[in-house]
Amino acid sequence: QVQLVESGGGLVQAGGSLRLSCAASGRTGNMYVVGWFRQAPGKEREFVAHINWSGGITAYADSVKGRLTISRDNAKNAVYLQMNSLKPEDTAVYYCAVDTKAKTIFSGSYHRKVAAYDYWGQGTQVTVSS
C-alpha cells in the first residue's frame, strides 16, 4: 500500500502562487505514475496533471497549462504542484493519486481518468479570491 498526504493549500489572491506537496510512504517503489486532480463544490473530480516515474513525461489539463508545473523527487518520495497565476476558478480541493500498476504513462487519456489511480490522499483546500 501507499499512503499519500497533501499539504501546502491555503487562501491566496488571484494572480498569486502556491506550492502543493504530496508526501508518500509505504510501498513507494511502485509509484510509477502520479497525478494531481481537483474537485470544486458540486463538480466532479477532474484531472490537473500527471508525471511518470523519471519525471521526464508530464501532461496537463488545458485549463492549467502554462500556469501549473508538476515535479517529483523520488529520493524524498514527494511530488509537487507549483501553481502560479492562480485564478478564482482554480478554487478546489486538490488530491494527489498514484497508479502502482502501470509502469509508464499510457497513450491517450487513460491517466487523465480517476479510475486509473489506486491510491489517493485526503486532499488539500486551495481557495483563490478575486
N, C-alpha and C. Protein backbone atom coordinates (compact mmCIF):
# COMPACT_ATOMS: atom_id res chain seq x y z
N GLN A 1 0.83 -1.20 0.00
CA GLN A 1 0.00 0.00 0.00
C GLN A 1 0.87 1.25 0.00
N VAL A 2 0.26 2.33 -0.45
CA VAL A 2 0.93 3.62 -0.46
C VAL A 2 0.04 4.62 0.27
N GLN A 3 0.63 5.36 1.18
CA GLN A 3 -0.09 6.41 1.88
C GLN A 3 0.36 7.76 1.33
N LEU A 4 -0.61 8.63 1.08
CA LEU A 4 -0.33 9.94 0.49
C LEU A 4 -0.90 11.04 1.37
N VAL A 5 -0.10 12.08 1.60
CA VAL A 5 -0.56 13.22 2.40
C VAL A 5 -0.23 14.50 1.64
N GLU A 6 -1.26 15.24 1.29
CA GLU A 6 -1.06 16.52 0.61
C GLU A 6 -0.93 17.66 1.62
N SER A 7 -0.22 18.69 1.23
CA SER A 7 -0.09 19.89 2.07
C SER A 7 0.22 21.08 1.17
N GLY A 8 0.15 22.26 1.75
CA GLY A 8 0.51 23.47 1.00
C GLY A 8 -0.66 24.29 0.51
N GLY A 9 -1.87 23.80 0.70
CA GLY A 9 -3.03 24.57 0.28
C GLY A 9 -3.24 25.79 1.16
N GLY A 10 -4.17 26.64 0.74
CA GLY A 10 -4.47 27.83 1.52
C GLY A 10 -5.29 28.82 0.73
N LEU A 11 -5.36 30.02 1.28
CA LEU A 11 -6.09 31.12 0.66
C LEU A 11 -5.09 32.07 0.00
N VAL A 12 -5.33 32.39 -1.25
CA VAL A 12 -4.42 33.27 -1.98
C VAL A 12 -5.25 34.17 -2.89
N GLN A 13 -4.73 35.35 -3.16
CA GLN A 13 -5.41 36.26 -4.07
C GLN A 13 -5.15 35.85 -5.52
N ALA A 14 -6.05 36.22 -6.39
CA ALA A 14 -5.87 35.96 -7.82
C ALA A 14 -4.53 36.53 -8.28
N GLY A 15 -3.83 35.74 -9.09
CA GLY A 15 -2.51 36.11 -9.54
C GLY A 15 -1.39 35.61 -8.67
N GLY A 16 -1.74 35.10 -7.51
CA GLY A 16 -0.74 34.62 -6.57
C GLY A 16 -0.27 33.20 -6.88
N SER A 17 0.57 32.67 -5.99
CA SER A 17 1.17 31.35 -6.19
C SER A 17 1.05 30.50 -4.93
N LEU A 18 1.02 29.21 -5.15
CA LEU A 18 1.09 28.22 -4.07
C LEU A 18 1.90 27.04 -4.58
N ARG A 19 2.50 26.32 -3.65
CA ARG A 19 3.19 25.08 -4.00
C ARG A 19 2.62 23.97 -3.15
N LEU A 20 1.96 23.03 -3.81
CA LEU A 20 1.40 21.87 -3.12
C LEU A 20 2.45 20.75 -3.08
N SER A 21 2.42 20.02 -1.97
CA SER A 21 3.31 18.87 -1.82
C SER A 21 2.47 17.63 -1.56
N CYS A 22 2.97 16.51 -2.02
CA CYS A 22 2.35 15.22 -1.77
C CYS A 22 3.45 14.31 -1.23
N ALA A 23 3.35 13.97 0.04
CA ALA A 23 4.35 13.12 0.68
C ALA A 23 3.84 11.68 0.70
N ALA A 24 4.68 10.77 0.25
CA ALA A 24 4.29 9.37 0.15
C ALA A 24 5.05 8.51 1.14
N SER A 25 4.39 7.45 1.60
CA SER A 25 5.03 6.47 2.46
C SER A 25 4.46 5.10 2.11
N GLY A 26 5.12 4.06 2.61
CA GLY A 26 4.70 2.71 2.30
C GLY A 26 5.48 2.16 1.11
N ARG A 27 4.81 1.51 0.19
CA ARG A 27 5.45 0.88 -0.96
C ARG A 27 5.68 1.91 -2.07
N THR A 28 6.55 2.84 -1.78
CA THR A 28 6.76 3.96 -2.70
C THR A 28 7.52 3.55 -3.96
N GLY A 29 8.13 2.39 -3.94
CA GLY A 29 8.82 1.92 -5.14
C GLY A 29 7.91 1.63 -6.30
N ASN A 30 6.61 1.52 -6.03
CA ASN A 30 5.63 1.25 -7.07
C ASN A 30 4.88 2.50 -7.52
N MET A 31 5.39 3.67 -7.16
CA MET A 31 4.70 4.92 -7.53
C MET A 31 5.05 5.31 -8.95
N TYR A 32 4.60 4.50 -9.91
CA TYR A 32 5.03 4.71 -11.28
C TYR A 32 4.51 6.00 -11.87
N VAL A 33 3.21 6.22 -11.78
CA VAL A 33 2.59 7.43 -12.33
C VAL A 33 1.88 8.14 -11.18
N VAL A 34 2.11 9.42 -11.08
CA VAL A 34 1.46 10.22 -10.04
C VAL A 34 0.65 11.34 -10.70
N GLY A 35 -0.54 11.51 -10.24
CA GLY A 35 -1.40 12.54 -10.79
C GLY A 35 -1.90 13.50 -9.73
N TRP A 36 -2.20 14.69 -10.17
CA TRP A 36 -2.93 15.66 -9.34
C TRP A 36 -4.31 15.85 -9.97
N PHE A 37 -5.32 15.82 -9.12
CA PHE A 37 -6.69 16.07 -9.53
C PHE A 37 -7.26 17.15 -8.61
N ARG A 38 -8.39 17.70 -9.00
CA ARG A 38 -9.05 18.67 -8.14
C ARG A 38 -10.55 18.50 -8.24
N GLN A 39 -11.22 18.94 -7.17
CA GLN A 39 -12.68 18.84 -7.13
C GLN A 39 -13.24 20.09 -6.49
N ALA A 40 -14.02 20.82 -7.26
CA ALA A 40 -14.71 22.01 -6.76
C ALA A 40 -16.09 21.60 -6.24
N PRO A 41 -16.68 22.39 -5.36
CA PRO A 41 -18.00 22.06 -4.82
C PRO A 41 -19.02 21.85 -5.93
N GLY A 42 -19.73 20.73 -5.84
CA GLY A 42 -20.77 20.44 -6.80
C GLY A 42 -20.29 19.94 -8.15
N LYS A 43 -18.99 19.73 -8.28
CA LYS A 43 -18.43 19.27 -9.56
C LYS A 43 -17.71 17.95 -9.39
N GLU A 44 -17.50 17.28 -10.50
CA GLU A 44 -16.78 16.02 -10.48
C GLU A 44 -15.28 16.29 -10.32
N ARG A 45 -14.59 15.29 -9.81
CA ARG A 45 -13.14 15.38 -9.69
C ARG A 45 -12.55 15.41 -11.10
N GLU A 46 -11.62 16.32 -11.33
CA GLU A 46 -11.06 16.47 -12.67
C GLU A 46 -9.54 16.42 -12.66
N PHE A 47 -9.01 15.96 -13.78
CA PHE A 47 -7.57 15.84 -13.97
C PHE A 47 -6.91 17.21 -14.02
N VAL A 48 -5.75 17.32 -13.38
CA VAL A 48 -4.95 18.54 -13.44
C VAL A 48 -3.61 18.28 -14.15
N ALA A 49 -2.87 17.28 -13.66
CA ALA A 49 -1.56 16.99 -14.24
C ALA A 49 -1.12 15.60 -13.82
N HIS A 50 -0.21 15.00 -14.61
CA HIS A 50 0.41 13.75 -14.16
C HIS A 50 1.87 13.71 -14.61
N ILE A 51 2.61 12.81 -13.98
CA ILE A 51 4.05 12.71 -14.20
C ILE A 51 4.45 11.25 -14.12
N ASN A 52 5.43 10.85 -14.94
CA ASN A 52 5.87 9.46 -14.90
C ASN A 52 6.98 9.29 -13.86
N TRP A 53 7.49 8.07 -13.75
CA TRP A 53 8.46 7.75 -12.69
C TRP A 53 9.70 8.63 -12.74
N SER A 54 10.25 8.81 -13.91
CA SER A 54 11.50 9.56 -14.02
C SER A 54 11.29 11.07 -13.96
N GLY A 55 10.06 11.48 -14.16
CA GLY A 55 9.78 12.92 -14.22
C GLY A 55 9.96 13.50 -15.60
N GLY A 56 10.31 12.67 -16.56
CA GLY A 56 10.56 13.16 -17.90
C GLY A 56 9.33 13.35 -18.75
N ILE A 57 8.23 12.79 -18.32
CA ILE A 57 6.98 12.90 -19.08
C ILE A 57 5.92 13.51 -18.17
N THR A 58 5.38 14.62 -18.60
CA THR A 58 4.31 15.28 -17.86
C THR A 58 3.18 15.65 -18.82
N ALA A 59 2.02 15.86 -18.27
CA ALA A 59 0.88 16.31 -19.07
C ALA A 59 -0.03 17.14 -18.18
N TYR A 60 -0.74 18.05 -18.81
CA TYR A 60 -1.57 18.99 -18.06
C TYR A 60 -2.94 19.15 -18.71
N ALA A 61 -3.92 19.47 -17.89
CA ALA A 61 -5.21 19.88 -18.41
C ALA A 61 -5.03 21.22 -19.12
N ASP A 62 -5.80 21.43 -20.16
CA ASP A 62 -5.68 22.68 -20.92
C ASP A 62 -5.89 23.91 -20.04
N SER A 63 -6.75 23.77 -19.04
CA SER A 63 -7.11 24.91 -18.19
C SER A 63 -5.96 25.38 -17.30
N VAL A 64 -4.94 24.55 -17.11
CA VAL A 64 -3.84 24.93 -16.22
C VAL A 64 -2.50 25.00 -16.94
N LYS A 65 -2.48 24.62 -18.20
CA LYS A 65 -1.22 24.57 -18.95
C LYS A 65 -0.56 25.95 -18.96
N GLY A 66 0.72 25.97 -18.66
CA GLY A 66 1.47 27.21 -18.64
C GLY A 66 1.45 27.92 -17.30
N ARG A 67 0.60 27.48 -16.39
CA ARG A 67 0.50 28.11 -15.06
C ARG A 67 0.90 27.16 -13.94
N LEU A 68 0.64 25.87 -14.12
CA LEU A 68 0.95 24.88 -13.10
C LEU A 68 2.06 23.96 -13.61
N THR A 69 2.91 23.54 -12.69
CA THR A 69 4.02 22.66 -13.04
C THR A 69 4.11 21.52 -12.04
N ILE A 70 4.08 20.29 -12.56
CA ILE A 70 4.21 19.11 -11.70
C ILE A 70 5.67 18.65 -11.73
N SER A 71 6.15 18.19 -10.58
CA SER A 71 7.51 17.67 -10.49
C SER A 71 7.55 16.62 -9.40
N ARG A 72 8.64 15.85 -9.34
CA ARG A 72 8.75 14.84 -8.30
C ARG A 72 10.20 14.68 -7.88
N ASP A 73 10.38 14.25 -6.65
CA ASP A 73 11.69 13.94 -6.09
C ASP A 73 11.58 12.55 -5.49
N ASN A 74 12.01 11.56 -6.24
CA ASN A 74 11.86 10.17 -5.79
C ASN A 74 12.70 9.88 -4.54
N ALA A 75 13.80 10.57 -4.38
CA ALA A 75 14.63 10.37 -3.19
C ALA A 75 13.90 10.79 -1.92
N LYS A 76 12.99 11.75 -2.07
CA LYS A 76 12.21 12.23 -0.93
C LYS A 76 10.79 11.66 -0.92
N ASN A 77 10.47 10.81 -1.88
CA ASN A 77 9.12 10.25 -2.01
C ASN A 77 8.08 11.36 -2.03
N ALA A 78 8.33 12.37 -2.85
CA ALA A 78 7.45 13.53 -2.87
C ALA A 78 7.14 13.95 -4.30
N VAL A 79 5.96 14.48 -4.46
CA VAL A 79 5.52 15.05 -5.73
C VAL A 79 4.99 16.45 -5.43
N TYR A 80 5.24 17.37 -6.34
CA TYR A 80 4.89 18.76 -6.10
C TYR A 80 4.01 19.30 -7.23
N LEU A 81 3.26 20.33 -6.91
CA LEU A 81 2.49 21.06 -7.91
C LEU A 81 2.70 22.54 -7.65
N GLN A 82 3.53 23.16 -8.49
CA GLN A 82 3.75 24.59 -8.39
C GLN A 82 2.64 25.30 -9.14
N MET A 83 1.94 26.18 -8.45
CA MET A 83 0.77 26.83 -9.01
C MET A 83 1.02 28.33 -9.08
N ASN A 84 1.10 28.87 -10.28
CA ASN A 84 1.33 30.29 -10.48
C ASN A 84 0.14 30.92 -11.20
N SER A 85 0.07 32.24 -11.14
CA SER A 85 -1.01 32.98 -11.82
C SER A 85 -2.37 32.38 -11.52
N LEU A 86 -2.63 32.14 -10.25
CA LEU A 86 -3.87 31.46 -9.86
C LEU A 86 -5.10 32.31 -10.16
N LYS A 87 -6.17 31.62 -10.49
CA LYS A 87 -7.44 32.25 -10.83
C LYS A 87 -8.51 31.76 -9.86
N PRO A 88 -9.58 32.53 -9.68
CA PRO A 88 -10.67 32.06 -8.80
C PRO A 88 -11.21 30.69 -9.22
N GLU A 89 -11.21 30.40 -10.50
CA GLU A 89 -11.71 29.10 -10.96
C GLU A 89 -10.79 27.94 -10.61
N ASP A 90 -9.63 28.23 -10.06
CA ASP A 90 -8.74 27.16 -9.58
C ASP A 90 -9.13 26.71 -8.16
N THR A 91 -10.08 27.38 -7.56
CA THR A 91 -10.52 27.02 -6.21
C THR A 91 -11.10 25.61 -6.20
N ALA A 92 -10.55 24.76 -5.34
CA ALA A 92 -10.97 23.36 -5.27
C ALA A 92 -10.17 22.66 -4.18
N VAL A 93 -10.57 21.44 -3.89
CA VAL A 93 -9.72 20.55 -3.10
C VAL A 93 -8.83 19.80 -4.08
N TYR A 94 -7.53 19.82 -3.80
CA TYR A 94 -6.56 19.20 -4.69
C TYR A 94 -6.09 17.88 -4.08
N TYR A 95 -6.08 16.84 -4.91
CA TYR A 95 -5.71 15.50 -4.49
C TYR A 95 -4.52 14.99 -5.31
N CYS A 96 -3.61 14.31 -4.64
CA CYS A 96 -2.62 13.55 -5.41
C CYS A 96 -3.04 12.08 -5.39
N ALA A 97 -2.64 11.38 -6.42
CA ALA A 97 -3.03 9.99 -6.59
C ALA A 97 -1.90 9.23 -7.28
N VAL A 98 -1.86 7.94 -7.03
CA VAL A 98 -0.78 7.11 -7.55
C VAL A 98 -1.35 5.90 -8.28
N ASP A 99 -0.76 5.60 -9.42
CA ASP A 99 -1.03 4.35 -10.14
C ASP A 99 0.17 3.44 -9.89
N THR A 100 -0.05 2.36 -9.16
CA THR A 100 1.04 1.43 -8.85
C THR A 100 1.07 0.24 -9.80
N LYS A 101 0.23 0.27 -10.83
CA LYS A 101 0.12 -0.89 -11.72
C LYS A 101 0.81 -0.66 -13.06
N ALA A 102 0.59 0.49 -13.64
CA ALA A 102 1.15 0.79 -14.95
C ALA A 102 2.53 1.41 -14.79
N LYS A 103 3.53 0.82 -15.41
CA LYS A 103 4.91 1.29 -15.24
C LYS A 103 5.24 2.47 -16.12
N THR A 104 4.32 2.88 -16.96
CA THR A 104 4.53 4.04 -17.80
C THR A 104 3.19 4.72 -18.04
N ILE A 105 3.25 5.94 -18.50
CA ILE A 105 2.02 6.65 -18.83
C ILE A 105 1.48 6.12 -20.15
N PHE A 106 0.25 5.67 -20.14
CA PHE A 106 -0.36 5.15 -21.35
C PHE A 106 -0.70 6.29 -22.31
N SER A 107 -0.67 6.00 -23.58
CA SER A 107 -1.07 7.00 -24.55
C SER A 107 -2.58 7.22 -24.44
N GLY A 108 -3.00 8.34 -24.95
CA GLY A 108 -4.42 8.65 -24.86
C GLY A 108 -4.78 9.24 -23.52
N SER A 109 -5.99 9.07 -23.11
CA SER A 109 -6.49 9.75 -21.92
C SER A 109 -6.54 8.87 -20.67
N TYR A 110 -5.96 7.68 -20.72
CA TYR A 110 -6.08 6.74 -19.61
C TYR A 110 -5.70 7.38 -18.28
N HIS A 111 -4.54 8.00 -18.21
CA HIS A 111 -4.07 8.53 -16.93
C HIS A 111 -4.65 9.91 -16.63
N ARG A 112 -5.61 10.36 -17.42
CA ARG A 112 -6.36 11.56 -17.09
C ARG A 112 -7.67 11.21 -16.38
N LYS A 113 -7.86 9.95 -16.12
CA LYS A 113 -9.11 9.50 -15.53
C LYS A 113 -8.90 9.05 -14.08
N VAL A 114 -9.89 9.33 -13.23
CA VAL A 114 -9.83 8.96 -11.83
C VAL A 114 -9.60 7.46 -11.66
N ALA A 115 -10.23 6.66 -12.48
CA ALA A 115 -10.19 5.21 -12.34
C ALA A 115 -8.80 4.61 -12.56
N ALA A 116 -7.89 5.36 -13.15
CA ALA A 116 -6.54 4.83 -13.41
C ALA A 116 -5.71 4.72 -12.14
N TYR A 117 -6.09 5.40 -11.10
CA TYR A 117 -5.27 5.52 -9.88
C TYR A 117 -5.83 4.70 -8.75
N ASP A 118 -4.95 4.03 -8.00
CA ASP A 118 -5.45 3.15 -6.95
C ASP A 118 -5.21 3.65 -5.53
N TYR A 119 -4.42 4.70 -5.35
CA TYR A 119 -4.25 5.29 -4.02
C TYR A 119 -4.42 6.80 -4.11
N TRP A 120 -5.08 7.35 -3.11
CA TRP A 120 -5.40 8.77 -3.09
C TRP A 120 -5.07 9.36 -1.72
N GLY A 121 -4.70 10.63 -1.74
CA GLY A 121 -4.55 11.36 -0.49
C GLY A 121 -5.89 11.92 -0.04
N GLN A 122 -5.87 12.65 1.08
CA GLN A 122 -7.10 13.17 1.65
C GLN A 122 -7.46 14.54 1.08
N GLY A 123 -6.52 15.16 0.36
CA GLY A 123 -6.79 16.43 -0.29
C GLY A 123 -6.35 17.63 0.53
N THR A 124 -6.11 18.73 -0.18
CA THR A 124 -5.77 19.99 0.46
C THR A 124 -6.55 21.10 -0.24
N GLN A 125 -7.14 22.00 0.55
CA GLN A 125 -8.01 23.03 0.00
C GLN A 125 -7.19 24.19 -0.56
N VAL A 126 -7.52 24.60 -1.76
CA VAL A 126 -6.96 25.80 -2.37
C VAL A 126 -8.11 26.75 -2.66
N THR A 127 -8.01 27.95 -2.13
CA THR A 127 -9.04 28.96 -2.36
C THR A 127 -8.38 30.21 -2.94
N VAL A 128 -8.88 30.64 -4.09
CA VAL A 128 -8.33 31.81 -4.77
C VAL A 128 -9.39 32.90 -4.76
N SER A 129 -9.09 34.00 -4.13
CA SER A 129 -10.05 35.10 -4.05
C SER A 129 -9.81 36.09 -5.20
N SER A 130 -10.90 36.71 -5.62
CA SER A 130 -10.81 37.66 -6.74
C SER A 130 -10.52 39.07 -6.26
